[in-house]
PDB file of N, CA and C in Angstrom:
ATOM      1  N   MET A   1      46.230  -1.088 -23.284  1.00  0.00           N
ATOM      2  CA  MET A   1      45.146  -2.037 -23.139  1.00  0.00           C
ATOM      3  C   MET A   1      45.771  -3.428 -23.037  1.00  0.00           C
ATOM      4  N   PRO A   2      45.493  -4.141 -21.965  1.00  0.00           N
ATOM      5  CA  PRO A   2      46.078  -5.472 -21.791  1.00  0.00           C
ATOM      6  C   PRO A   2      45.590  -6.466 -22.845  1.00  0.00           C
ATOM      7  N   GLU A   3      46.532  -7.229 -23.376  1.00  0.00           N
ATOM      8  CA  GLU A   3      46.212  -8.288 -24.326  1.00  0.00           C
ATOM      9  C   GLU A   3      45.872  -9.543 -23.538  1.00  0.00           C
ATOM     10  N   ILE A   4      44.659 -10.037 -23.721  1.00  0.00           N
ATOM     11  CA  ILE A   4      44.186 -11.215 -23.003  1.00  0.00           C
ATOM     12  C   ILE A   4      44.700 -12.493 -23.672  1.00  0.00           C
ATOM     13  N   THR A   5      44.623 -12.529 -25.008  1.00  0.00           N
ATOM     14  CA  THR A   5      45.102 -13.686 -25.764  1.00  0.00           C
ATOM     15  C   THR A   5      45.270 -13.312 -27.226  1.00  0.00           C
ATOM     16  N   ARG A   6      45.822 -14.257 -27.982  1.00  0.00           N
ATOM     17  CA  ARG A   6      46.059 -14.065 -29.411  1.00  0.00           C
ATOM     18  C   ARG A   6      45.959 -15.431 -30.096  1.00  0.00           C
ATOM     19  N   PHE A   7      45.225 -15.490 -31.211  1.00  0.00           N
ATOM     20  CA  PHE A   7      45.100 -16.733 -31.965  1.00  0.00           C
ATOM     21  C   PHE A   7      44.693 -16.424 -33.398  1.00  0.00           C
ATOM     22  N   TYR A   8      45.246 -17.175 -34.331  1.00  0.00           N
ATOM     23  CA  TYR A   8      44.916 -17.054 -35.754  1.00  0.00           C
ATOM     24  C   TYR A   8      44.952 -15.609 -36.257  1.00  0.00           C
ATOM     25  N   GLY A   9      45.887 -14.824 -35.768  1.00  0.00           N
ATOM     26  CA  GLY A   9      46.004 -13.428 -36.192  1.00  0.00           C
ATOM     27  C   GLY A   9      45.027 -12.484 -35.516  1.00  0.00           C
ATOM     28  N   ILE A  10      44.245 -12.986 -34.584  1.00  0.00           N
ATOM     29  CA  ILE A  10      43.258 -12.178 -33.852  1.00  0.00           C
ATOM     30  C   ILE A  10      43.821 -11.871 -32.471  1.00  0.00           C
ATOM     31  N   ILE A  11      43.736 -10.612 -32.065  1.00  0.00           N
ATOM     32  CA  ILE A  11      44.200 -10.200 -30.746  1.00  0.00           C
ATOM     33  C   ILE A  11      42.979  -9.786 -29.926  1.00  0.00           C
ATOM     34  N   ILE A  12      42.862 -10.341 -28.725  1.00  0.00           N
ATOM     35  CA  ILE A  12      41.769 -10.005 -27.811  1.00  0.00           C
ATOM     36  C   ILE A  12      42.334  -9.126 -26.710  1.00  0.00           C
ATOM     37  N   LYS A  13      41.709  -7.958 -26.521  1.00  0.00           N
ATOM     38  CA  LYS A  13      42.168  -6.995 -25.516  1.00  0.00           C
ATOM     39  C   LYS A  13      40.989  -6.554 -24.661  1.00  0.00           C
ATOM     40  N   LEU A  14      41.312  -6.051 -23.479  1.00  0.00           N
ATOM     41  CA  LEU A  14      40.276  -5.552 -22.576  1.00  0.00           C
ATOM     42  C   LEU A  14      40.807  -4.325 -21.862  1.00  0.00           C
ATOM     43  N   PHE A  15      40.040  -3.229 -21.932  1.00  0.00           N
ATOM     44  CA  PHE A  15      40.376  -1.993 -21.224  1.00  0.00           C
ATOM     45  C   PHE A  15      39.765  -2.064 -19.831  1.00  0.00           C
ATOM     46  N   PHE A  16      40.537  -1.735 -18.805  1.00  0.00           N
ATOM     47  CA  PHE A  16      39.965  -1.627 -17.464  1.00  0.00           C
ATOM     48  C   PHE A  16      39.363  -0.242 -17.307  1.00  0.00           C
ATOM     49  N   GLY A  17      38.199  -0.181 -16.695  1.00  0.00           N
ATOM     50  CA  GLY A  17      37.536   1.095 -16.476  1.00  0.00           C
ATOM     51  C   GLY A  17      36.895   1.647 -17.735  1.00  0.00           C
ATOM     52  N   ASP A  18      36.711   0.808 -18.753  1.00  0.00           N
ATOM     53  CA  ASP A  18      36.091   1.239 -19.994  1.00  0.00           C
ATOM     54  C   ASP A  18      34.585   1.398 -19.787  1.00  0.00           C
ATOM     55  N   HIS A  19      33.926   1.977 -20.762  1.00  0.00           N
ATOM     56  CA  HIS A  19      32.490   2.248 -20.688  1.00  0.00           C
ATOM     57  C   HIS A  19      31.671   0.957 -20.692  1.00  0.00           C
ATOM     58  N   PRO A  20      30.479   0.989 -20.071  1.00  0.00           N
ATOM     59  CA  PRO A  20      29.585  -0.163 -20.139  1.00  0.00           C
ATOM     60  C   PRO A  20      29.014  -0.284 -21.557  1.00  0.00           C
ATOM     61  N   PRO A  21      28.473  -1.406 -21.913  1.00  0.00           N
ATOM     62  CA  PRO A  21      28.383  -2.653 -21.169  1.00  0.00           C
ATOM     63  C   PRO A  21      29.744  -3.354 -21.117  1.00  0.00           C
ATOM     64  N   PRO A  22      29.891  -4.351 -20.245  1.00  0.00           N
ATOM     65  CA  PRO A  22      31.142  -5.105 -20.201  1.00  0.00           C
ATOM     66  C   PRO A  22      31.452  -5.668 -21.594  1.00  0.00           C
ATOM     67  N   HIS A  23      32.664  -5.409 -22.077  1.00  0.00           N
ATOM     68  CA  HIS A  23      33.009  -5.820 -23.427  1.00  0.00           C
ATOM     69  C   HIS A  23      34.509  -6.040 -23.570  1.00  0.00           C
ATOM     70  N   PHE A  24      34.885  -6.679 -24.671  1.00  0.00           N
ATOM     71  CA  PHE A  24      36.293  -6.818 -25.017  1.00  0.00           C
ATOM     72  C   PHE A  24      36.465  -6.419 -26.475  1.00  0.00           C
ATOM     73  N   HIS A  25      37.705  -6.138 -26.834  1.00  0.00           N
ATOM     74  CA  HIS A  25      38.045  -5.703 -28.177  1.00  0.00           C
ATOM     75  C   HIS A  25      38.714  -6.859 -28.910  1.00  0.00           C
ATOM     76  N   ALA A  26      38.332  -7.076 -30.156  1.00  0.00           N
ATOM     77  CA  ALA A  26      38.982  -8.060 -31.017  1.00  0.00           C
ATOM     78  C   ALA A  26      39.577  -7.304 -32.202  1.00  0.00           C
ATOM     79  N   VAL A  27      40.876  -7.509 -32.429  1.00  0.00           N
ATOM     80  CA  VAL A  27      41.581  -6.831 -33.511  1.00  0.00           C
ATOM     81  C   VAL A  27      42.077  -7.893 -34.484  1.00  0.00           C
ATOM     82  N   TYR A  28      41.752  -7.695 -35.756  1.00  0.00           N
ATOM     83  CA  TYR A  28      42.175  -8.612 -36.807  1.00  0.00           C
ATOM     84  C   TYR A  28      42.609  -7.771 -38.001  1.00  0.00           C
ATOM     85  N   GLY A  29      43.924  -7.570 -38.134  1.00  0.00           N
ATOM     86  CA  GLY A  29      44.432  -6.690 -39.187  1.00  0.00           C
ATOM     87  C   GLY A  29      43.888  -5.294 -38.998  1.00  0.00           C
ATOM     88  N   GLU A  30      43.235  -4.759 -40.031  1.00  0.00           N
ATOM     89  CA  GLU A  30      42.673  -3.403 -39.937  1.00  0.00           C
ATOM     90  C   GLU A  30      41.270  -3.383 -39.343  1.00  0.00           C
ATOM     91  N   TYR A  31      40.742  -4.545 -39.001  1.00  0.00           N
ATOM     92  CA  TYR A  31      39.393  -4.654 -38.432  1.00  0.00           C
ATOM     93  C   TYR A  31      39.443  -4.633 -36.909  1.00  0.00           C
ATOM     94  N   ILE A  32      38.469  -3.938 -36.327  1.00  0.00           N
ATOM     95  CA  ILE A  32      38.333  -3.893 -34.869  1.00  0.00           C
ATOM     96  C   ILE A  32      36.847  -4.022 -34.538  1.00  0.00           C
ATOM     97  N   ALA A  33      36.532  -4.870 -33.568  1.00  0.00           N
ATOM     98  CA  ALA A  33      35.146  -5.011 -33.124  1.00  0.00           C
ATOM     99  C   ALA A  33      35.110  -5.116 -31.611  1.00  0.00           C
ATOM    100  N   LEU A  34      34.070  -4.550 -31.023  1.00  0.00           N
ATOM    101  CA  LEU A  34      33.826  -4.675 -29.590  1.00  0.00           C
ATOM    102  C   LEU A  34      32.705  -5.689 -29.404  1.00  0.00           C
ATOM    103  N   PHE A  35      32.955  -6.668 -28.525  1.00  0.00           N
ATOM    104  CA  PHE A  35      31.984  -7.730 -28.249  1.00  0.00           C
ATOM    105  C   PHE A  35      31.457  -7.578 -26.829  1.00  0.00           C
ATOM    106  N   ASP A  36      30.150  -7.602 -26.682  1.00  0.00           N
ATOM    107  CA  ASP A  36      29.511  -7.594 -25.370  1.00  0.00           C
ATOM    108  C   ASP A  36      29.833  -8.928 -24.697  1.00  0.00           C
ATOM    109  N   ILE A  37      30.365  -8.884 -23.490  1.00  0.00           N
ATOM    110  CA  ILE A  37      30.758 -10.114 -22.787  1.00  0.00           C
ATOM    111  C   ILE A  37      29.535 -10.967 -22.436  1.00  0.00           C
ATOM    112  N   ASN A  38      28.422 -10.341 -22.131  1.00  0.00           N
ATOM    113  CA  ASN A  38      27.239 -11.099 -21.719  1.00  0.00           C
ATOM    114  C   ASN A  38      26.526 -11.777 -22.883  1.00  0.00           C
ATOM    115  N   THR A  39      26.436 -11.091 -24.029  1.00  0.00           N
ATOM    116  CA  THR A  39      25.682 -11.638 -25.168  1.00  0.00           C
ATOM    117  C   THR A  39      26.577 -12.174 -26.279  1.00  0.00           C
ATOM    118  N   LEU A  40      27.845 -11.761 -26.280  1.00  0.00           N
ATOM    119  CA  LEU A  40      28.831 -12.083 -27.316  1.00  0.00           C
ATOM    120  C   LEU A  40      28.447 -11.517 -28.682  1.00  0.00           C
ATOM    121  N   ASN A  41      27.564 -10.514 -28.680  1.00  0.00           N
ATOM    122  CA  ASN A  41      27.222  -9.797 -29.905  1.00  0.00           C
ATOM    123  C   ASN A  41      28.210  -8.667 -30.131  1.00  0.00           C
ATOM    124  N   VAL A  42      28.430  -8.314 -31.389  1.00  0.00           N
ATOM    125  CA  VAL A  42      29.257  -7.147 -31.723  1.00  0.00           C
ATOM    126  C   VAL A  42      28.437  -5.906 -31.395  1.00  0.00           C
ATOM    127  N   ILE A  43      29.031  -5.014 -30.601  1.00  0.00           N
ATOM    128  CA  ILE A  43      28.326  -3.785 -30.242  1.00  0.00           C
ATOM    129  C   ILE A  43      28.905  -2.567 -30.955  1.00  0.00           C
ATOM    130  N   GLU A  44      30.067  -2.749 -31.581  1.00  0.00           N
ATOM    131  CA  GLU A  44      30.678  -1.657 -32.337  1.00  0.00           C
ATOM    132  C   GLU A  44      31.744  -2.259 -33.242  1.00  0.00           C
ATOM    133  N   GLY A  45      31.899  -1.687 -34.430  1.00  0.00           N
ATOM    134  CA  GLY A  45      32.928  -2.148 -35.343  1.00  0.00           C
ATOM    135  C   GLY A  45      32.496  -3.371 -36.123  1.00  0.00           C
ATOM    136  N   ASP A  46      33.489  -4.049 -36.717  1.00  0.00           N
ATOM    137  CA  ASP A  46      33.181  -5.196 -37.552  1.00  0.00           C
ATOM    138  C   ASP A  46      34.410  -6.071 -37.729  1.00  0.00           C
ATOM    139  N   LEU A  47      34.178  -7.340 -37.977  1.00  0.00           N
ATOM    140  CA  LEU A  47      35.211  -8.312 -38.325  1.00  0.00           C
ATOM    141  C   LEU A  47      34.701  -9.125 -39.515  1.00  0.00           C
ATOM    142  N   PRO A  48      35.609  -9.672 -40.317  1.00  0.00           N
ATOM    143  CA  PRO A  48      35.148 -10.600 -41.351  1.00  0.00           C
ATOM    144  C   PRO A  48      34.400 -11.770 -40.695  1.00  0.00           C
ATOM    145  N   PRO A  49      33.454 -12.371 -41.401  1.00  0.00           N
ATOM    146  CA  PRO A  49      32.624 -13.432 -40.809  1.00  0.00           C
ATOM    147  C   PRO A  49      33.413 -14.571 -40.163  1.00  0.00           C
ATOM    148  N   ARG A  50      34.449 -15.050 -40.808  1.00  0.00           N
ATOM    149  CA  ARG A  50      35.226 -16.174 -40.241  1.00  0.00           C
ATOM    150  C   ARG A  50      35.911 -15.751 -38.946  1.00  0.00           C
ATOM    151  N   ALA A  51      36.497 -14.557 -38.915  1.00  0.00           N
ATOM    152  CA  ALA A  51      37.162 -14.060 -37.706  1.00  0.00           C
ATOM    153  C   ALA A  51      36.135 -13.867 -36.591  1.00  0.00           C
ATOM    154  N   ARG A  52      34.972 -13.342 -36.922  1.00  0.00           N
ATOM    155  CA  ARG A  52      33.913 -13.149 -35.917  1.00  0.00           C
ATOM    156  C   ARG A  52      33.516 -14.487 -35.312  1.00  0.00           C
ATOM    157  N   LYS A  53      33.360 -15.505 -36.153  1.00  0.00           N
ATOM    158  CA  LYS A  53      32.985 -16.834 -35.671  1.00  0.00           C
ATOM    159  C   LYS A  53      34.043 -17.391 -34.715  1.00  0.00           C
ATOM    160  N   LEU A  54      35.319 -17.210 -35.053  1.00  0.00           N
ATOM    161  CA  LEU A  54      36.397 -17.693 -34.188  1.00  0.00           C
ATOM    162  C   LEU A  54      36.397 -16.970 -32.843  1.00  0.00           C
ATOM    163  N   VAL A  55      36.167 -15.669 -32.862  1.00  0.00           N
ATOM    164  CA  VAL A  55      36.133 -14.896 -31.620  1.00  0.00           C
ATOM    165  C   VAL A  55      34.985 -15.365 -30.736  1.00  0.00           C
ATOM    166  N   VAL A  56      33.825 -15.557 -31.313  1.00  0.00           N
ATOM    167  CA  VAL A  56      32.670 -16.011 -30.528  1.00  0.00           C
ATOM    168  C   VAL A  56      32.925 -17.408 -29.975  1.00  0.00           C
ATOM    169  N   GLU A  57      33.504 -18.285 -30.789  1.00  0.00           N
ATOM    170  CA  GLU A  57      33.816 -19.633 -30.317  1.00  0.00           C
ATOM    171  C   GLU A  57      34.764 -19.576 -29.123  1.00  0.00           C
ATOM    172  N   TRP A  58      35.802 -18.741 -29.221  1.00  0.00           N
ATOM    173  CA  TRP A  58      36.746 -18.589 -28.107  1.00  0.00           C
ATOM    174  C   TRP A  58      36.036 -18.009 -26.882  1.00  0.00           C
ATOM    175  N   ALA A  59      35.254 -16.942 -27.094  1.00  0.00           N
ATOM    176  CA  ALA A  59      34.599 -16.257 -25.977  1.00  0.00           C
ATOM    177  C   ALA A  59      33.588 -17.144 -25.262  1.00  0.00           C
ATOM    178  N   GLU A  60      32.931 -18.038 -25.976  1.00  0.00           N
ATOM    179  CA  GLU A  60      32.007 -18.973 -25.335  1.00  0.00           C
ATOM    180  C   GLU A  60      32.752 -19.852 -24.324  1.00  0.00           C
ATOM    181  N   ASN A  61      33.991 -20.195 -24.651  1.00  0.00           N
ATOM    182  CA  ASN A  61      34.793 -21.024 -23.748  1.00  0.00           C
ATOM    183  C   ASN A  61      35.269 -20.267 -22.512  1.00  0.00           C
ATOM    184  N   TYR A  62      35.423 -18.956 -22.618  1.00  0.00           N
ATOM    185  CA  TYR A  62      36.018 -18.174 -21.531  1.00  0.00           C
ATOM    186  C   TYR A  62      35.117 -17.030 -21.055  1.00  0.00           C
ATOM    187  N   GLN A  63      33.838 -17.130 -21.295  1.00  0.00           N
ATOM    188  CA  GLN A  63      32.902 -16.062 -20.932  1.00  0.00           C
ATOM    189  C   GLN A  63      32.917 -15.778 -19.430  1.00  0.00           C
ATOM    190  N   THR A  64      32.927 -16.805 -18.615  1.00  0.00           N
ATOM    191  CA  THR A  64      32.956 -16.613 -17.162  1.00  0.00           C
ATOM    192  C   THR A  64      34.226 -15.886 -16.741  1.00  0.00           C
ATOM    193  N   GLU A  65      35.360 -16.288 -17.303  1.00  0.00           N
ATOM    194  CA  GLU A  65      36.634 -15.644 -16.966  1.00  0.00           C
ATOM    195  C   GLU A  65      36.650 -14.190 -17.428  1.00  0.00           C
ATOM    196  N   LEU A  66      36.089 -13.917 -18.610  1.00  0.00           N
ATOM    197  CA  LEU A  66      36.021 -12.540 -19.101  1.00  0.00           C
ATOM    198  C   LEU A  66      35.175 -11.671 -18.169  1.00  0.00           C
ATOM    199  N   LYS A  67      34.051 -12.206 -17.700  1.00  0.00           N
ATOM    200  CA  LYS A  67      33.206 -11.459 -16.761  1.00  0.00           C
ATOM    201  C   LYS A  67      33.976 -11.160 -15.479  1.00  0.00           C
ATOM    202  N   THR A  68      34.714 -12.142 -14.982  1.00  0.00           N
ATOM    203  CA  THR A  68      35.491 -11.955 -13.755  1.00  0.00           C
ATOM    204  C   THR A  68      36.576 -10.901 -13.948  1.00  0.00           C
ATOM    205  N   ILE A  69      37.278 -10.964 -15.065  1.00  0.00           N
ATOM    206  CA  ILE A  69      38.320  -9.962 -15.344  1.00  0.00           C
ATOM    207  C   ILE A  69      37.701  -8.573 -15.383  1.00  0.00           C
ATOM    208  N   TRP A  70      36.560  -8.424 -16.060  1.00  0.00           N
ATOM    209  CA  TRP A  70      35.898  -7.116 -16.158  1.00  0.00           C
ATOM    210  C   TRP A  70      35.483  -6.616 -14.767  1.00  0.00           C
ATOM    211  N   GLU A  71      34.881  -7.491 -13.984  1.00  0.00           N
ATOM    212  CA  GLU A  71      34.356  -7.083 -12.678  1.00  0.00           C
ATOM    213  C   GLU A  71      35.454  -6.788 -11.661  1.00  0.00           C
ATOM    214  N   THR A  72      36.502  -7.592 -11.646  1.00  0.00           N
ATOM    215  CA  THR A  72      37.564  -7.407 -10.648  1.00  0.00           C
ATOM    216  C   THR A  72      38.673  -6.476 -11.120  1.00  0.00           C
ATOM    217  N   GLN A  73      38.742  -6.249 -12.426  1.00  0.00           N
ATOM    218  CA  GLN A  73      39.806  -5.457 -13.048  1.00  0.00           C
ATOM    219  C   GLN A  73      41.182  -6.015 -12.692  1.00  0.00           C
ATOM    220  N   LYS A  74      41.255  -7.328 -12.598  1.00  0.00           N
ATOM    221  CA  LYS A  74      42.530  -8.012 -12.367  1.00  0.00           C
ATOM    222  C   LYS A  74      42.908  -8.733 -13.647  1.00  0.00           C
ATOM    223  N   PHE A  75      44.029  -8.317 -14.227  1.00  0.00           N
ATOM    224  CA  PHE A  75      44.477  -8.870 -15.494  1.00  0.00           C
ATOM    225  C   PHE A  75      44.819 -10.349 -15.371  1.00  0.00           C
ATOM    226  N   LYS A  76      44.411 -11.098 -16.390  1.00  0.00           N
ATOM    227  CA  LYS A  76      44.718 -12.519 -16.448  1.00  0.00           C
ATOM    228  C   LYS A  76      44.787 -12.919 -17.917  1.00  0.00           C
ATOM    229  N   LYS A  77      45.872 -13.552 -18.314  1.00  0.00           N
ATOM    230  CA  LYS A  77      45.987 -14.084 -19.672  1.00  0.00           C
ATOM    231  C   LYS A  77      45.087 -15.311 -19.775  1.00  0.00           C
ATOM    232  N   LEU A  78      44.458 -15.484 -20.916  1.00  0.00           N
ATOM    233  CA  LEU A  78      43.630 -16.659 -21.156  1.00  0.00           C
ATOM    234  C   LEU A  78      44.201 -17.452 -22.329  1.00  0.00           C
ATOM    235  N   PRO A  79      43.988 -18.757 -22.361  1.00  0.00           N
ATOM    236  CA  PRO A  79      44.511 -19.579 -23.458  1.00  0.00           C
ATOM    237  C   PRO A  79      43.910 -19.177 -24.797  1.00  0.00           C
ATOM    238  N   PRO A  80      44.645 -19.397 -25.867  1.00  0.00           N
ATOM    239  CA  PRO A  80      44.094 -19.114 -27.200  1.00  0.00           C
ATOM    240  C   PRO A  80      43.119 -20.196 -27.635  1.00  0.00           C
ATOM    241  N   LEU A  81      42.437 -19.927 -28.736  1.00  0.00           N
ATOM    242  CA  LEU A  81      41.568 -20.930 -29.342  1.00  0.00           C
ATOM    243  C   LEU A  81      42.445 -21.992 -29.982  1.00  0.00           C
ATOM    244  N   GLU A  82      42.128 -23.231 -29.740  1.00  0.00           N
ATOM    245  CA  GLU A  82      42.924 -24.322 -30.326  1.00  0.00           C
ATOM    246  C   GLU A  82      42.131 -25.098 -31.338  1.00  0.00           C
TER     247      GLU A  82
END
């Protein structure tokens, strides 16, 4: 699974050809959550509240790029949350 970015111990990954809805995976230690790219809601799994907030903040900045990566299945690294 390609790693899109990494920040504050959180790794963002995206599987190509994965099941709908369009989503990405956020890994933080032993926690894993799948986030819907369109709504930025957790659709599976869980993260601690602070980590979830950071992921959503990052995803709001790169939502358009995440949609493009999902639709085109062309890997692209994205900047971390600063």
